Amino acid sequence: MIQDLFNTTMTVWESSSSDDGYGGLTPTWSSNGSYSCRLRTVAASRNIIDDAGVVLYTHKIWCAPIDGLTEENKVEIDGKSFRIVSIIKAQNANEVEHYQLLCREWSKK
């Protein structure tokens, strides 16, 4: 089973906005749960780079399907944050559905 290959846990975060008290909005993040997954760094030769030279993704994450997961979410694994660039809904040879998330490591700095 593909779930046997998931060797770590990720926390999925979703963004919402709240009133900042001055007529504007402040983005806030709230946890949407923890899920088993597998994380892999993409080799430099396999990074996708656009014409401007920007790396589009640096990591791949495999997980079981998660209801409501979108590119607007962020993921945290072992203290590192990742922005989701793309979600690929896949099936393996045994027709087990799973997601492959293409992510970019992200820092709040």
Protein backbone atom coordinates (compact mmCIF):
# COMPACT_ATOMS: atom_id res chain seq x y z
CA MET A 1 0.00 0.00 0.00
CA ILE A 2 1.18 3.51 -0.76
CA GLN A 3 0.36 4.59 2.80
CA ASP A 4 3.18 2.29 3.99
CA LEU A 5 5.62 4.62 2.21
CA PHE A 6 4.49 7.69 4.18
CA ASN A 7 7.24 8.18 6.76
CA THR A 8 6.51 11.59 8.28
CA THR A 9 3.62 13.84 9.28
CA MET A 10 2.63 17.20 7.80
CA THR A 11 0.35 19.86 9.21
CA VAL A 12 -1.85 21.62 6.66
CA TRP A 13 -2.54 25.32 7.30
CA GLU A 14 -5.22 27.46 5.70
CA SER A 15 -5.30 31.22 5.45
CA SER A 16 -8.12 33.49 6.46
CA SER A 17 -8.36 37.20 7.11
CA SER A 18 -9.45 39.04 10.22
CA ASP A 19 -10.20 42.69 10.91
CA ASP A 20 -7.08 44.53 12.05
CA GLY A 21 -9.07 47.23 13.84
CA TYR A 22 -7.93 49.96 11.45
CA GLY A 23 -10.20 49.24 8.49
CA GLY A 24 -7.90 46.64 6.93
CA LEU A 25 -7.45 42.91 7.08
CA THR A 26 -4.73 40.81 8.68
CA PRO A 27 -3.96 37.35 7.28
CA THR A 28 -4.06 34.56 9.86
CA TRP A 29 -3.22 30.87 9.54
CA SER A 30 -5.14 28.05 11.22
CA SER A 31 -4.37 24.34 11.30
CA ASN A 32 -6.52 22.10 9.11
CA GLY A 33 -5.14 18.87 10.63
CA SER A 34 -2.15 16.54 10.47
CA TYR A 35 -1.66 13.89 7.79
CA SER A 36 0.84 11.16 6.99
CA CYS A 37 3.07 11.92 4.02
CA ARG A 38 6.44 11.44 2.33
CA LEU A 39 8.75 14.40 1.61
CA ARG A 40 11.50 14.49 -1.02
CA THR A 41 13.84 17.29 -2.04
CA VAL A 42 14.03 17.73 -5.79
CA ALA A 43 17.54 17.47 -7.25
CA ALA A 44 18.82 20.77 -8.63
CA SER A 45 18.87 19.36 -12.15
CA ARG A 46 15.18 18.55 -11.88
CA ASN A 47 13.96 21.91 -10.56
CA ILE A 48 11.62 23.67 -12.94
CA ILE A 49 12.89 27.14 -13.77
CA ASP A 50 10.91 29.71 -15.78
CA ASP A 51 12.35 32.35 -18.13
CA ALA A 52 13.05 34.71 -15.21
CA GLY A 53 15.14 32.04 -13.46
CA VAL A 54 12.70 31.55 -10.59
CA VAL A 55 12.52 28.07 -9.06
CA LEU A 56 8.91 26.98 -9.13
CA TYR A 57 9.23 24.10 -6.70
CA THR A 58 11.91 22.60 -4.47
CA HIS A 59 10.16 19.61 -2.88
CA LYS A 60 7.63 16.89 -3.63
CA ILE A 61 5.21 15.60 -1.02
CA TRP A 62 3.07 12.49 -1.43
CA CYS A 63 -0.04 11.99 0.70
CA ALA A 64 -3.50 10.47 0.68
CA PRO A 65 -6.24 12.73 -0.77
CA ILE A 66 -7.21 15.56 1.60
CA ASP A 67 -10.62 17.22 1.26
CA GLY A 68 -10.40 20.93 0.53
CA LEU A 69 -6.63 21.04 -0.09
CA THR A 70 -5.70 23.85 -2.53
CA GLU A 71 -2.67 25.83 -3.64
CA GLU A 72 -3.75 28.49 -1.12
CA ASN A 73 -2.78 26.19 1.78
CA LYS A 74 0.68 25.85 3.24
CA VAL A 75 2.24 22.73 4.71
CA GLU A 76 4.61 22.33 7.65
CA ILE A 77 6.91 19.33 8.15
CA ASP A 78 9.54 19.09 10.90
CA GLY A 79 9.48 22.85 11.47
CA LYS A 80 9.86 23.74 7.77
CA SER A 81 7.09 25.53 5.88
CA PHE A 82 6.18 24.87 2.25
CA ARG A 83 3.87 26.71 -0.15
CA ILE A 84 1.95 24.43 -2.50
CA VAL A 85 2.68 25.26 -6.14
CA SER A 86 0.65 22.45 -7.72
CA ILE A 87 -1.47 19.48 -6.65
CA ILE A 88 -1.35 16.40 -8.87
CA LYS A 89 -4.11 13.88 -8.28
CA ALA A 90 -2.54 10.55 -9.19
CA GLN A 91 -3.15 6.82 -9.20
CA ASN A 92 -0.51 4.13 -8.98
CA ALA A 93 -0.58 0.78 -10.81
CA ASN A 94 -2.84 -0.66 -8.10
CA GLU A 95 -5.31 2.19 -8.68
CA VAL A 96 -4.69 3.68 -5.23
CA GLU A 97 -5.44 7.41 -5.36
CA HIS A 98 -2.96 9.82 -3.81
CA TYR A 99 -1.77 13.40 -4.14
CA GLN A 100 1.63 14.57 -5.26
CA LEU A 101 2.20 18.11 -4.02
CA LEU A 102 4.82 20.24 -5.75
CA CYS A 103 5.99 22.71 -3.12
CA ARG A 104 8.44 25.54 -2.56
CA GLU A 105 10.14 25.89 0.80
CA TRP A 106 8.82 29.07 2.36
CA SER A 107 10.00 31.28 5.17
CA LYS A 108 8.13 34.03 6.98
CA LYS A 109 11.31 36.16 7.03
